[in-house]
Amino acid sequence: MSNNPNQVTGKAIIRFDGREYKTADDASLQPGGVKREPVKGAGKVHGFTETTVEPEMECTIYHTRETSLAEIQAIDNATVIFETDSGARWVLTGAFVLDPLKLKTKGGECPVKMSAITCEED
């Protein structure tokens, strides 16, 4: 991981419960938080309401002989580490897979979408 303040994030290493998977460079993280919506009426904005947004992480895992889709699909309470090449790191706790997995034979790609109870910058 870089200590150069000029480096822009370009990839991430992702670990589920300590196991590092072979992932593509297209991973994304949405740490969650609060979404604000304007409250409008009579031609004016009166304020806003807030709703909680859950953390989400998406990545593409490369499938090999050692990759168990059933094992990944069964994840329902994992600790996920999302560590970027620019030095930033997030920890997702209570992470769980959202959608059934789909293996693409061209390139051996398997997109994974997860949510979590919490996501904290480490």
PDB file of N, CA and C in Angstrom:
ATOM      1  N   MET A   1       0.833  -1.170   0.000  1.00  0.00           N
ATOM      2  CA  MET A   1       0.000   0.000   0.000  1.00  0.00           C
ATOM      3  C   MET A   1       0.888   1.246   0.000  1.00  0.00           C
ATOM      4  N   SER A   2       0.403   2.272  -0.613  1.00  0.00           N
ATOM      5  CA  SER A   2       1.198   3.462  -0.878  1.00  0.00           C
ATOM      6  C   SER A   2       1.183   4.457   0.281  1.00  0.00           C
ATOM      7  N   ASN A   3       2.294   5.152   0.437  1.00  0.00           N
ATOM      8  CA  ASN A   3       2.366   6.293   1.351  1.00  0.00           C
ATOM      9  C   ASN A   3       2.439   7.595   0.567  1.00  0.00           C
ATOM     10  N   ASN A   4       2.341   7.507  -0.757  1.00  0.00           N
ATOM     11  CA  ASN A   4       2.430   8.671  -1.619  1.00  0.00           C
ATOM     12  C   ASN A   4       1.088   9.404  -1.624  1.00  0.00           C
ATOM     13  N   PRO A   5       1.058  10.675  -1.183  1.00  0.00           N
ATOM     14  CA  PRO A   5      -0.211  11.404  -1.131  1.00  0.00           C
ATOM     15  C   PRO A   5      -0.793  11.705  -2.511  1.00  0.00           C
ATOM     16  N   ASN A   6      -0.004  11.507  -3.572  1.00  0.00           N
ATOM     17  CA  ASN A   6      -0.480  11.778  -4.923  1.00  0.00           C
ATOM     18  C   ASN A   6      -1.134  10.567  -5.579  1.00  0.00           C
ATOM     19  N   GLN A   7      -1.025   9.391  -4.962  1.00  0.00           N
ATOM     20  CA  GLN A   7      -1.604   8.194  -5.570  1.00  0.00           C
ATOM     21  C   GLN A   7      -3.118   8.197  -5.432  1.00  0.00           C
ATOM     22  N   VAL A   8      -3.776   7.911  -6.525  1.00  0.00           N
ATOM     23  CA  VAL A   8      -5.231   7.802  -6.562  1.00  0.00           C
ATOM     24  C   VAL A   8      -5.592   6.320  -6.484  1.00  0.00           C
ATOM     25  N   THR A   9      -6.617   5.984  -5.731  1.00  0.00           N
ATOM     26  CA  THR A   9      -7.040   4.589  -5.584  1.00  0.00           C
ATOM     27  C   THR A   9      -7.356   3.979  -6.942  1.00  0.00           C
ATOM     28  N   GLY A  10      -6.795   2.784  -7.173  1.00  0.00           N
ATOM     29  CA  GLY A  10      -7.018   2.094  -8.434  1.00  0.00           C
ATOM     30  C   GLY A  10      -7.417   0.642  -8.278  1.00  0.00           C
ATOM     31  N   LYS A  11      -7.221   0.094  -7.084  1.00  0.00           N
ATOM     32  CA  LYS A  11      -7.585  -1.307  -6.847  1.00  0.00           C
ATOM     33  C   LYS A  11      -7.703  -1.539  -5.349  1.00  0.00           C
ATOM     34  N   ALA A  12      -8.237  -2.703  -5.001  1.00  0.00           N
ATOM     35  CA  ALA A  12      -8.407  -3.038  -3.587  1.00  0.00           C
ATOM     36  C   ALA A  12      -8.150  -4.517  -3.374  1.00  0.00           C
ATOM     37  N   ILE A  13      -7.638  -4.824  -2.198  1.00  0.00           N
ATOM     38  CA  ILE A  13      -7.521  -6.205  -1.743  1.00  0.00           C
ATOM     39  C   ILE A  13      -8.709  -6.440  -0.825  1.00  0.00           C
ATOM     40  N   ILE A  14      -9.406  -7.554  -1.036  1.00  0.00           N
ATOM     41  CA  ILE A  14     -10.612  -7.843  -0.258  1.00  0.00           C
ATOM     42  C   ILE A  14     -10.442  -9.179   0.434  1.00  0.00           C
ATOM     43  N   ARG A  15     -10.708  -9.172   1.740  1.00  0.00           N
ATOM     44  CA  ARG A  15     -10.615 -10.397   2.540  1.00  0.00           C
ATOM     45  C   ARG A  15     -11.938 -10.629   3.253  1.00  0.00           C
ATOM     46  N   PHE A  16     -12.414 -11.872   3.207  1.00  0.00           N
ATOM     47  CA  PHE A  16     -13.595 -12.287   3.965  1.00  0.00           C
ATOM     48  C   PHE A  16     -13.110 -13.192   5.076  1.00  0.00           C
ATOM     49  N   ASP A  17     -13.315 -12.796   6.331  1.00  0.00           N
ATOM     50  CA  ASP A  17     -12.863 -13.578   7.490  1.00  0.00           C
ATOM     51  C   ASP A  17     -11.407 -14.021   7.345  1.00  0.00           C
ATOM     52  N   GLY A  18     -10.559 -13.096   6.891  1.00  0.00           N
ATOM     53  CA  GLY A  18      -9.126 -13.347   6.791  1.00  0.00           C
ATOM     54  C   GLY A  18      -8.664 -13.986   5.501  1.00  0.00           C
ATOM     55  N   ARG A  19      -9.577 -14.505   4.695  1.00  0.00           N
ATOM     56  CA  ARG A  19      -9.195 -15.158   3.443  1.00  0.00           C
ATOM     57  C   ARG A  19      -9.238 -14.153   2.304  1.00  0.00           C
ATOM     58  N   GLU A  20      -8.100 -14.019   1.615  1.00  0.00           N
ATOM     59  CA  GLU A  20      -8.030 -13.114   0.474  1.00  0.00           C
ATOM     60  C   GLU A  20      -8.466 -13.844  -0.792  1.00  0.00           C
ATOM     61  N   TYR A  21      -9.379 -13.231  -1.515  1.00  0.00           N
ATOM     62  CA  TYR A  21      -9.860 -13.805  -2.766  1.00  0.00           C
ATOM     63  C   TYR A  21      -9.202 -13.101  -3.943  1.00  0.00           C
ATOM     64  N   LYS A  22      -9.131 -13.812  -5.068  1.00  0.00           N
ATOM     65  CA  LYS A  22      -8.611 -13.224  -6.307  1.00  0.00           C
ATOM     66  C   LYS A  22      -9.724 -12.372  -6.895  1.00  0.00           C
ATOM     67  N   THR A  23      -9.533 -11.051  -6.866  1.00  0.00           N
ATOM     68  CA  THR A  23     -10.586 -10.143  -7.317  1.00  0.00           C
ATOM     69  C   THR A  23     -10.101  -9.258  -8.452  1.00  0.00           C
ATOM     70  N   ALA A  24     -11.047  -8.824  -9.272  1.00  0.00           N
ATOM     71  CA  ALA A  24     -10.771  -7.873 -10.347  1.00  0.00           C
ATOM     72  C   ALA A  24     -10.608  -6.477  -9.741  1.00  0.00           C
ATOM     73  N   ASP A  25     -10.124  -5.556 -10.558  1.00  0.00           N
ATOM     74  CA  ASP A  25      -9.900  -4.187 -10.091  1.00  0.00           C
ATOM     75  C   ASP A  25     -11.160  -3.323 -10.144  1.00  0.00           C
ATOM     76  N   ASP A  26     -12.343  -3.937 -10.245  1.00  0.00           N
ATOM     77  CA  ASP A  26     -13.585  -3.170 -10.372  1.00  0.00           C
ATOM     78  C   ASP A  26     -14.396  -3.103  -9.081  1.00  0.00           C
ATOM     79  N   ALA A  27     -13.773  -3.362  -7.948  1.00  0.00           N
ATOM     80  CA  ALA A  27     -14.496  -3.388  -6.670  1.00  0.00           C
ATOM     81  C   ALA A  27     -15.016  -1.996  -6.307  1.00  0.00           C
ATOM     82  N   SER A  28     -16.114  -1.979  -5.560  1.00  0.00           N
ATOM     83  CA  SER A  28     -16.657  -0.706  -5.081  1.00  0.00           C
ATOM     84  C   SER A  28     -17.149  -0.869  -3.646  1.00  0.00           C
ATOM     85  N   LEU A  29     -17.090   0.231  -2.916  1.00  0.00           N
ATOM     86  CA  LEU A  29     -17.525   0.246  -1.523  1.00  0.00           C
ATOM     87  C   LEU A  29     -18.391   1.472  -1.302  1.00  0.00           C
ATOM     88  N   GLN A  30     -19.529   1.262  -0.681  1.00  0.00           N
ATOM     89  CA  GLN A  30     -20.406   2.348  -0.260  1.00  0.00           C
ATOM     90  C   GLN A  30     -20.566   2.158   1.243  1.00  0.00           C
ATOM     91  N   PRO A  31     -19.879   2.989   2.059  1.00  0.00           N
ATOM     92  CA  PRO A  31     -19.835   2.740   3.501  1.00  0.00           C
ATOM     93  C   PRO A  31     -21.152   2.896   4.246  1.00  0.00           C
ATOM     94  N   GLY A  32     -22.184   3.382   3.578  1.00  0.00           N
ATOM     95  CA  GLY A  32     -23.453   3.580   4.271  1.00  0.00           C
ATOM     96  C   GLY A  32     -23.475   4.914   4.985  1.00  0.00           C
ATOM     97  N   GLY A  33     -24.544   5.156   5.670  1.00  0.00           N
ATOM     98  CA  GLY A  33     -24.678   6.419   6.387  1.00  0.00           C
ATOM     99  C   GLY A  33     -26.102   6.921   6.327  1.00  0.00           C
ATOM    100  N   VAL A  34     -26.235   8.197   6.003  1.00  0.00           N
ATOM    101  CA  VAL A  34     -27.541   8.846   6.003  1.00  0.00           C
ATOM    102  C   VAL A  34     -27.817   9.422   4.618  1.00  0.00           C
ATOM    103  N   LYS A  35     -29.029   9.194   4.126  1.00  0.00           N
ATOM    104  CA  LYS A  35     -29.487   9.798   2.876  1.00  0.00           C
ATOM    105  C   LYS A  35     -30.508  10.864   3.230  1.00  0.00           C
ATOM    106  N   ARG A  36     -30.334  12.023   2.657  1.00  0.00           N
ATOM    107  CA  ARG A  36     -31.253  13.128   2.927  1.00  0.00           C
ATOM    108  C   ARG A  36     -32.123  13.393   1.707  1.00  0.00           C
ATOM    109  N   GLU A  37     -33.400  13.591   1.962  1.00  0.00           N
ATOM    110  CA  GLU A  37     -34.377  13.906   0.915  1.00  0.00           C
ATOM    111  C   GLU A  37     -35.030  15.242   1.253  1.00  0.00           C
ATOM    112  N   PRO A  38     -35.141  16.129   0.269  1.00  0.00           N
ATOM    113  CA  PRO A  38     -35.797  17.403   0.548  1.00  0.00           C
ATOM    114  C   PRO A  38     -37.289  17.223   0.814  1.00  0.00           C
ATOM    115  N   VAL A  39     -37.812  18.054   1.713  1.00  0.00           N
ATOM    116  CA  VAL A  39     -39.250  18.123   1.975  1.00  0.00           C
ATOM    117  C   VAL A  39     -39.731  19.423   1.339  1.00  0.00           C
ATOM    118  N   LYS A  40     -40.665  19.290   0.376  1.00  0.00           N
ATOM    119  CA  LYS A  40     -41.096  20.446  -0.409  1.00  0.00           C
ATOM    120  C   LYS A  40     -42.601  20.633  -0.294  1.00  0.00           C
ATOM    121  N   GLY A  41     -43.019  21.843  -0.499  1.00  0.00           N
ATOM    122  CA  GLY A  41     -44.445  22.160  -0.539  1.00  0.00           C
ATOM    123  C   GLY A  41     -44.640  23.643  -0.769  1.00  0.00           C
ATOM    124  N   ALA A  42     -45.738  23.991  -1.393  1.00  0.00           N
ATOM    125  CA  ALA A  42     -46.080  25.395  -1.656  1.00  0.00           C
ATOM    126  C   ALA A  42     -44.953  26.122  -2.382  1.00  0.00           C
ATOM    127  N   GLY A  43     -44.255  25.382  -3.273  1.00  0.00           N
ATOM    128  CA  GLY A  43     -43.196  26.006  -4.062  1.00  0.00           C
ATOM    129  C   GLY A  43     -41.917  26.284  -3.299  1.00  0.00           C
ATOM    130  N   LYS A  44     -41.762  25.686  -2.121  1.00  0.00           N
ATOM    131  CA  LYS A  44     -40.578  25.937  -1.300  1.00  0.00           C
ATOM    132  C   LYS A  44     -39.998  24.628  -0.787  1.00  0.00           C
ATOM    133  N   VAL A  45     -38.749  24.696  -0.421  1.00  0.00           N
ATOM    134  CA  VAL A  45     -38.113  23.587   0.292  1.00  0.00           C
ATOM    135  C   VAL A  45     -38.189  23.922   1.772  1.00  0.00           C
ATOM    136  N   HIS A  46     -38.806  23.030   2.556  1.00  0.00           N
ATOM    137  CA  HIS A  46     -39.018  23.282   3.979  1.00  0.00           C
ATOM    138  C   HIS A  46     -37.927  22.680   4.859  1.00  0.00           C
ATOM    139  N   GLY A  47     -37.205  21.739   4.325  1.00  0.00           N
ATOM    140  CA  GLY A  47     -36.177  21.052   5.107  1.00  0.00           C
ATOM    141  C   GLY A  47     -35.872  19.720   4.460  1.00  0.00           C
ATOM    142  N   PHE A  48     -35.547  18.741   5.285  1.00  0.00           N
ATOM    143  CA  PHE A  48     -35.220  17.424   4.742  1.00  0.00           C
ATOM    144  C   PHE A  48     -35.555  16.339   5.756  1.00  0.00           C
ATOM    145  N   THR A  49     -35.676  15.121   5.240  1.00  0.00           N
ATOM    146  CA  THR A  49     -35.817  13.939   6.084  1.00  0.00           C
ATOM    147  C   THR A  49     -34.583  13.071   5.879  1.00  0.00           C
ATOM    148  N   GLU A  50     -34.329  12.210   6.838  1.00  0.00           N
ATOM    149  CA  GLU A  50     -33.169  11.326   6.752  1.00  0.00           C
ATOM    150  C   GLU A  50     -33.609   9.868   6.830  1.00  0.00           C
ATOM    151  N   THR A  51     -32.939   9.038   6.044  1.00  0.00           N
ATOM    152  CA  THR A  51     -33.110   7.590   6.133  1.00  0.00           C
ATOM    153  C   THR A  51     -31.728   6.948   6.202  1.00  0.00           C
ATOM    154  N   THR A  52     -31.658   5.812   6.867  1.00  0.00           N
ATOM    155  CA  THR A  52     -30.399   5.086   6.996  1.00  0.00           C
ATOM    156  C   THR A  52     -30.118   4.315   5.712  1.00  0.00           C
ATOM    157  N   VAL A  53     -28.872   4.386   5.263  1.00  0.00           N
ATOM    158  CA  VAL A  53     -28.424   3.632   4.092  1.00  0.00           C
ATOM    159  C   VAL A  53     -27.414   2.605   4.569  1.00  0.00           C
ATOM    160  N   GLU A  54     -27.643   1.355   4.195  1.00  0.00           N
ATOM    161  CA  GLU A  54     -26.776   0.259   4.617  1.00  0.00           C
ATOM    162  C   GLU A  54     -25.456   0.274   3.840  1.00  0.00           C
ATOM    163  N   PRO A  55     -24.383  -0.228   4.457  1.00  0.00           N
ATOM    164  CA  PRO A  55     -23.123  -0.377   3.731  1.00  0.00           C
ATOM    165  C   PRO A  55     -23.274  -1.427   2.631  1.00  0.00           C
ATOM    166  N   GLU A  56     -22.584  -1.219   1.513  1.00  0.00           N
ATOM    167  CA  GLU A  56     -22.553  -2.212   0.442  1.00  0.00           C
ATOM    168  C   GLU A  56     -21.162  -2.294  -0.159  1.00  0.00           C
ATOM    169  N   MET A  57     -20.770  -3.507  -0.506  1.00  0.00           N
ATOM    170  CA  MET A  57     -19.500  -3.761  -1.171  1.00  0.00           C
ATOM    171  C   MET A  57     -19.780  -4.671  -2.352  1.00  0.00           C
ATOM    172  N   GLU A  58     -19.209  -4.320  -3.501  1.00  0.00           N
ATOM    173  CA  GLU A  58     -19.329  -5.161  -4.687  1.00  0.00           C
ATOM    174  C   GLU A  58     -17.940  -5.450  -5.226  1.00  0.00           C
ATOM    175  N   CYS A  59     -17.745  -6.681  -5.660  1.00  0.00           N
ATOM    176  CA  CYS A  59     -16.481  -7.053  -6.280  1.00  0.00           C
ATOM    177  C   CYS A  59     -16.726  -8.208  -7.241  1.00  0.00           C
ATOM    178  N   THR A  60     -15.733  -8.470  -8.062  1.00  0.00           N
ATOM    179  CA  THR A  60     -15.764  -9.616  -8.959  1.00  0.00           C
ATOM    180  C   THR A  60     -14.663 -10.562  -8.529  1.00  0.00           C
ATOM    181  N   ILE A  61     -15.035 -11.775  -8.169  1.00  0.00           N
ATOM    182  CA  ILE A  61     -14.071 -12.801  -7.773  1.00  0.00           C
ATOM    183  C   ILE A  61     -13.772 -13.661  -8.990  1.00  0.00           C
ATOM    184  N   TYR A  62     -12.485 -13.973  -9.179  1.00  0.00           N
ATOM    185  CA  TYR A  62     -12.102 -14.898 -10.247  1.00  0.00           C
ATOM    186  C   TYR A  62     -12.225 -16.322  -9.729  1.00  0.00           C
ATOM    187  N   HIS A  63     -12.949 -17.148 -10.458  1.00  0.00           N
ATOM    188  CA  HIS A  63     -13.200 -18.531 -10.054  1.00  0.00           C
ATOM    189  C   HIS A  63     -12.040 -19.430 -10.470  1.00  0.00           C
ATOM    190  N   THR A  64     -11.538 -20.207  -9.509  1.00  0.00           N
ATOM    191  CA  THR A  64     -10.512 -21.218  -9.761  1.00  0.00           C
ATOM    192  C   THR A  64     -10.959 -22.510  -9.086  1.00  0.00           C
ATOM    193  N   ARG A  65     -10.122 -23.517  -9.174  1.00  0.00           N
ATOM    194  CA  ARG A  65     -10.433 -24.802  -8.548  1.00  0.00           C
ATOM    195  C   ARG A  65     -10.653 -24.644  -7.041  1.00  0.00           C
ATOM    196  N   GLU A  66      -9.934 -23.708  -6.410  1.00  0.00           N
ATOM    197  CA  GLU A  66     -10.032 -23.525  -4.956  1.00  0.00           C
ATOM    198  C   GLU A  66     -11.197 -22.629  -4.533  1.00  0.00           C
ATOM    199  N   THR A  67     -11.946 -22.084  -5.478  1.00  0.00           N
ATOM    200  CA  THR A  67     -13.041 -21.176  -5.157  1.00  0.00           C
ATOM    201  C   THR A  67     -14.338 -21.961  -4.982  1.00  0.00           C
ATOM    202  N   SER A  68     -14.923 -21.872  -3.801  1.00  0.00           N
ATOM    203  CA  SER A  68     -16.201 -22.539  -3.548  1.00  0.00           C
ATOM    204  C   SER A  68     -17.327 -21.511  -3.595  1.00  0.00           C
ATOM    205  N   LEU A  69     -18.145 -21.604  -4.629  1.00  0.00           N
ATOM    206  CA  LEU A  69     -19.280 -20.687  -4.729  1.00  0.00           C
ATOM    207  C   LEU A  69     -20.259 -20.898  -3.581  1.00  0.00           C
ATOM    208  N   ALA A  70     -20.436 -22.150  -3.168  1.00  0.00           N
ATOM    209  CA  ALA A  70     -21.341 -22.449  -2.047  1.00  0.00           C
ATOM    210  C   ALA A  70     -20.841 -21.794  -0.762  1.00  0.00           C
ATOM    211  N   GLU A  71     -19.531 -21.813  -0.556  1.00  0.00           N
ATOM    212  CA  GLU A  71     -18.944 -21.201   0.643  1.00  0.00           C
ATOM    213  C   GLU A  71     -19.158 -19.689   0.639  1.00  0.00           C
ATOM    214  N   ILE A  72     -18.942 -19.067  -0.506  1.00  0.00           N
ATOM    215  CA  ILE A  72     -19.128 -17.616  -0.609  1.00  0.00           C
ATOM    216  C   ILE A  72     -20.607 -17.265  -0.448  1.00  0.00           C
ATOM    217  N   GLN A  73     -21.477 -18.014  -1.116  1.00  0.00           N
ATOM    218  CA  GLN A  73     -22.917 -17.756  -1.044  1.00  0.00           C
ATOM    219  C   GLN A  73     -23.439 -17.862   0.388  1.00  0.00           C
ATOM    220  N   ALA A  74     -22.822 -18.725   1.187  1.00  0.00           N
ATOM    221  CA  ALA A  74     -23.282 -18.962   2.563  1.00  0.00           C
ATOM    222  C   ALA A  74     -22.832 -17.883   3.550  1.00  0.00           C
ATOM    223  N   ILE A  75     -21.994 -16.946   3.114  1.00  0.00           N
ATOM    224  CA  ILE A  75     -21.508 -15.905   4.029  1.00  0.00           C
ATOM    225  C   ILE A  75     -22.689 -15.088   4.541  1.00  0.00           C
ATOM    226  N   ASP A  76     -22.833 -15.076   5.882  1.00  0.00           N
ATOM    227  CA  ASP A  76     -23.946 -14.321   6.470  1.00  0.00           C
ATOM    228  C   ASP A  76     -23.571 -13.587   7.756  1.00  0.00           C
ATOM    229  N   ASN A  77     -22.284 -13.633   8.129  1.00  0.00           N
ATOM    230  CA  ASN A  77     -21.847 -12.918   9.332  1.00  0.00           C
ATOM    231  C   ASN A  77     -20.330 -12.784   9.315  1.00  0.00           C
ATOM    232  N   ALA A  78     -19.797 -12.234   8.234  1.00  0.00           N
ATOM    233  CA  ALA A  78     -18.346 -12.177   8.046  1.00  0.00           C
ATOM    234  C   ALA A  78     -17.784 -10.813   8.430  1.00  0.00           C
ATOM    235  N   THR A  79     -16.485 -10.805   8.678  1.00  0.00           N
ATOM    236  CA  THR A  79     -15.729  -9.564   8.771  1.00  0.00           C
ATOM    237  C   THR A  79     -15.014  -9.407   7.440  1.00  0.00           C
ATOM    238  N   VAL A  80     -15.279  -8.305   6.757  1.00  0.00           N
ATOM    239  CA  VAL A  80     -14.695  -8.057   5.443  1.00  0.00           C
ATOM    240  C   VAL A  80     -13.745  -6.875   5.551  1.00  0.00           C
ATOM    241  N   ILE A  81     -12.544  -7.065   5.037  1.00  0.00           N
ATOM    242  CA  ILE A  81     -11.553  -5.989   4.971  1.00  0.00           C
ATOM    243  C   ILE A  81     -11.479  -5.528   3.524  1.00  0.00           C
ATOM    244  N   PHE A  82     -11.620  -4.239   3.302  1.00  0.00           N
ATOM    245  CA  PHE A  82     -11.530  -3.624   1.977  1.00  0.00           C
ATOM    246  C   PHE A  82     -10.360  -2.656   2.055  1.00  0.00           C
ATOM    247  N   GLU A  83      -9.228  -3.035   1.471  1.00  0.00           N
ATOM    248  CA  GLU A  83      -7.990  -2.261   1.596  1.00  0.00           C
ATOM    249  C   GLU A  83      -7.530  -1.792   0.222  1.00  0.00           C
ATOM    250  N   THR A  84      -7.403  -0.480   0.052  1.00  0.00           N
ATOM    251  CA  THR A  84      -7.047   0.073  -1.249  1.00  0.00           C
ATOM    252  C   THR A  84      -5.540   0.204  -1.411  1.00  0.00           C
ATOM    253  N   ASP A  85      -5.109   0.302  -2.677  1.00  0.00           N
ATOM    254  CA  ASP A  85      -3.689   0.464  -2.964  1.00  0.00           C
ATOM    255  C   ASP A  85      -3.175   1.847  -2.579  1.00  0.00           C
ATOM    256  N   SER A  86      -4.071   2.782  -2.276  1.00  0.00           N
ATOM    257  CA  SER A  86      -3.654   4.113  -1.835  1.00  0.00           C
ATOM    258  C   SER A  86      -3.554   4.212  -0.314  1.00  0.00           C
ATOM    259  N   GLY A  87      -3.811   3.095   0.377  1.00  0.00           N
ATOM    260  CA  GLY A  87      -3.604   3.050   1.819  1.00  0.00           C
ATOM    261  C   GLY A  87      -4.847   3.133   2.682  1.00  0.00           C
ATOM    262  N   ALA A  88      -6.007   3.395   2.093  1.00  0.00           N
ATOM    263  CA  ALA A  88      -7.246   3.452   2.883  1.00  0.00           C
ATOM    264  C   ALA A  88      -7.740   2.036   3.157  1.00  0.00           C
ATOM    265  N   ARG A  89      -8.411   1.878   4.300  1.00  0.00           N
ATOM    266  CA  ARG A  89      -8.883   0.547   4.699  1.00  0.00           C
ATOM    267  C   ARG A  89     -10.199   0.688   5.452  1.00  0.00           C
ATOM    268  N   TRP A  90     -11.151  -0.180   5.121  1.00  0.00           N
ATOM    269  CA  TRP A  90     -12.438  -0.215   5.798  1.00  0.00           C
ATOM    270  C   TRP A  90     -12.686  -1.618   6.316  1.00  0.00           C
ATOM    271  N   VAL A  91     -13.403  -1.700   7.438  1.00  0.00           N
ATOM    272  CA  VAL A  91     -13.779  -2.987   8.018  1.00  0.00           C
ATOM    273  C   VAL A  91     -15.303  -3.049   8.060  1.00  0.00           C
ATOM    274  N   LEU A  92     -15.850  -4.051   7.375  1.00  0.00           N
ATOM    275  CA  LEU A  92     -17.290  -4.300   7.400  1.00  0.00           C
ATOM    276  C   LEU A  92     -17.536  -5.451   8.356  1.00  0.00           C
ATOM    277  N   THR A  93     -18.442  -5.270   9.309  1.00  0.00           N
ATOM    278  CA  THR A  93     -18.741  -6.339  10.266  1.00  0.00           C
ATOM    279  C   THR A  93     -20.164  -6.843  10.049  1.00  0.00           C
ATOM    280  N   GLY A  94     -20.347  -8.126  10.358  1.00  0.00           N
ATOM    281  CA  GLY A  94     -21.653  -8.741  10.152  1.00  0.00           C
ATOM    282  C   GLY A  94     -22.041  -8.769   8.686  1.00  0.00           C
ATOM    283  N   ALA A  95     -21.050  -8.906   7.802  1.00  0.00           N
ATOM    284  CA  ALA A  95     -21.300  -8.845   6.359  1.00  0.00           C
ATOM    285  C   ALA A  95     -22.004 -10.099   5.856  1.00  0.00           C
ATOM    286  N   PHE A  96     -22.858  -9.895   4.848  1.00  0.00           N
ATOM    287  CA  PHE A  96     -23.616 -11.004   4.275  1.00  0.00           C
ATOM    288  C   PHE A  96     -23.795 -10.795   2.778  1.00  0.00           C
ATOM    289  N   VAL A  97     -23.808 -11.906   2.028  1.00  0.00           N
ATOM    290  CA  VAL A  97     -24.009 -11.873   0.581  1.00  0.00           C
ATOM    291  C   VAL A  97     -25.478 -11.568   0.309  1.00  0.00           C
ATOM    292  N   LEU A  98     -25.732 -10.653  -0.629  1.00  0.00           N
ATOM    293  CA  LEU A  98     -27.101 -10.225  -0.920  1.00  0.00           C
ATOM    294  C   LEU A  98     -27.804 -11.072  -1.979  1.00  0.00           C
ATOM    295  N   ASP A  99     -27.122 -11.345  -3.076  1.00  0.00           N
ATOM    296  CA  ASP A  99     -27.769 -11.987  -4.220  1.00  0.00           C
ATOM    297  C   ASP A  99     -27.158 -13.349  -4.509  1.00  0.00           C
ATOM    298  N   PRO A 100     -27.929 -14.247  -5.132  1.00  0.00           N
ATOM    299  CA  PRO A 100     -27.343 -15.512  -5.569  1.00  0.00           C
ATOM    300  C   PRO A 100     -26.178 -15.245  -6.525  1.00  0.00           C
ATOM    301  N   LEU A 101     -25.145 -16.061  -6.422  1.00  0.00           N
ATOM    302  CA  LEU A 101     -23.961 -15.872  -7.255  1.00  0.00           C
ATOM    303  C   LEU A 101     -24.210 -16.374  -8.669  1.00  0.00           C
ATOM    304  N   LYS A 102     -23.499 -15.764  -9.613  1.00  0.00           N
ATOM    305  CA  LYS A 102     -23.606 -16.145 -11.020  1.00  0.00           C
ATOM    306  C   LYS A 102     -22.196 -16.227 -11.585  1.00  0.00           C
ATOM    307  N   LEU A 103     -21.777 -17.429 -11.944  1.00  0.00           N
ATOM    308  CA  LEU A 103     -20.446 -17.652 -12.502  1.00  0.00           C
ATOM    309  C   LEU A 103     -20.486 -17.472 -14.010  1.00  0.00           C
ATOM    310  N   LYS A 104     -19.609 -16.610 -14.510  1.00  0.00           N
ATOM    311  CA  LYS A 104     -19.472 -16.406 -15.953  1.00  0.00           C
ATOM    312  C   LYS A 104     -18.257 -17.213 -16.415  1.00  0.00           C
ATOM    313  N   THR A 105     -18.465 -18.122 -17.357  1.00  0.00           N
ATOM    314  CA  THR A 105     -17.345 -18.962 -17.795  1.00  0.00           C
ATOM    315  C   THR A 105     -16.320 -18.168 -18.596  1.00  0.00           C
ATOM    316  N   LYS A 106     -16.728 -17.128 -19.273  1.00  0.00           N
ATOM    317  CA  LYS A 106     -15.774 -16.283 -19.984  1.00  0.00           C
ATOM    318  C   LYS A 106     -15.032 -15.434 -18.955  1.00  0.00           C
ATOM    319  N   GLY A 107     -13.790 -15.775 -18.723  1.00  0.00           N
ATOM    320  CA  GLY A 107     -12.980 -15.045 -17.750  1.00  0.00           C
ATOM    321  C   GLY A 107     -13.098 -15.566 -16.333  1.00  0.00           C
ATOM    322  N   GLY A 108     -13.982 -16.527 -16.089  1.00  0.00           N
ATOM    323  CA  GLY A 108     -14.132 -17.095 -14.753  1.00  0.00           C
ATOM    324  C   GLY A 108     -14.567 -16.083 -13.716  1.00  0.00           C
ATOM    325  N   GLU A 109     -15.390 -15.125 -14.128  1.00  0.00           N
ATOM    326  CA  GLU A 109     -15.801 -14.047 -13.228  1.00  0.00           C
ATOM    327  C   GLU A 109     -17.077 -14.388 -12.474  1.00  0.00           C
ATOM    328  N   CYS A 110     -17.099 -13.994 -11.204  1.00  0.00           N
ATOM    329  CA  CYS A 110     -18.265 -14.202 -10.352  1.00  0.00           C
ATOM    330  C   CYS A 110     -18.513 -12.917  -9.551  1.00  0.00           C
ATOM    331  N   PRO A 111     -19.485 -12.094  -9.969  1.00  0.00           N
ATOM    332  CA  PRO A 111     -19.792 -10.875  -9.220  1.00  0.00           C
ATOM    333  C   PRO A 111     -20.393 -11.207  -7.852  1.00  0.00           C
ATOM    334  N   VAL A 112     -19.950 -10.465  -6.830  1.00  0.00           N
ATOM    335  CA  VAL A 112     -20.437 -10.657  -5.464  1.00  0.00           C
ATOM    336  C   VAL A 112     -20.894  -9.301  -4.930  1.00  0.00           C
ATOM    337  N   LYS A 113     -22.097  -9.269  -4.372  1.00  0.00           N
ATOM    338  CA  LYS A 113     -22.624  -8.051  -3.757  1.00  0.00           C
ATOM    339  C   LYS A 113     -22.952  -8.370  -2.308  1.00  0.00           C
ATOM    340  N   MET A 114     -22.412  -7.551  -1.400  1.00  0.00           N
ATOM    341  CA  MET A 114     -22.594  -7.784   0.033  1.00  0.00           C
ATOM    342  C   MET A 114     -23.105  -6.524   0.712  1.00  0.00           C
ATOM    343  N   SER A 115     -23.743  -6.723   1.843  1.00  0.00           N
ATOM    344  CA  SER A 115     -24.083  -5.644   2.749  1.00  0.00           C
ATOM    345  C   SER A 115     -23.506  -6.026   4.106  1.00  0.00           C
ATOM    346  N   ALA A 116     -23.640  -5.134   5.079  1.00  0.00           N
ATOM    347  CA  ALA A 116     -23.068  -5.398   6.397  1.00  0.00           C
ATOM    348  C   ALA A 116     -23.831  -4.616   7.452  1.00  0.00           C
ATOM    349  N   ILE A 117     -23.590  -4.985   8.691  1.00  0.00           N
ATOM    350  CA  ILE A 117     -24.192  -4.268   9.815  1.00  0.00           C
ATOM    351  C   ILE A 117     -23.498  -2.921  10.002  1.00  0.00           C
ATOM    352  N   THR A 118     -22.160  -2.926   9.931  1.00  0.00           N
ATOM    353  CA  THR A 118     -21.393  -1.687  10.064  1.00  0.00           C
ATOM    354  C   THR A 118     -20.264  -1.649   9.046  1.00  0.00           C
ATOM    355  N   CYS A 119     -19.789  -0.448   8.767  1.00  0.00           N
ATOM    356  CA  CYS A 119     -18.610  -0.238   7.922  1.00  0.00           C
ATOM    357  C   CYS A 119     -17.860   0.954   8.496  1.00  0.00           C
ATOM    358  N   GLU A 120     -16.659   0.692   8.977  1.00  0.00           N
ATOM    359  CA  GLU A 120     -15.860   1.739   9.616  1.00  0.00           C
ATOM    360  C   GLU A 120     -14.523   1.884   8.917  1.00  0.00           C
ATOM    361  N   GLU A 121     -14.105   3.125   8.704  1.00  0.00           N
ATOM    362  CA  GLU A 121     -12.767   3.359   8.160  1.00  0.00           C
ATOM    363  C   GLU A 121     -11.768   3.064   9.259  1.00  0.00           C
ATOM    364  N   ASP A 122     -10.760   2.287   8.912  1.00  0.00           N
ATOM    365  CA  ASP A 122      -9.779   1.812   9.891  1.00  0.00           C
ATOM    366  C   ASP A 122      -8.560   2.718   9.902  1.00  0.00           C
TER     367      ASP A 122
END
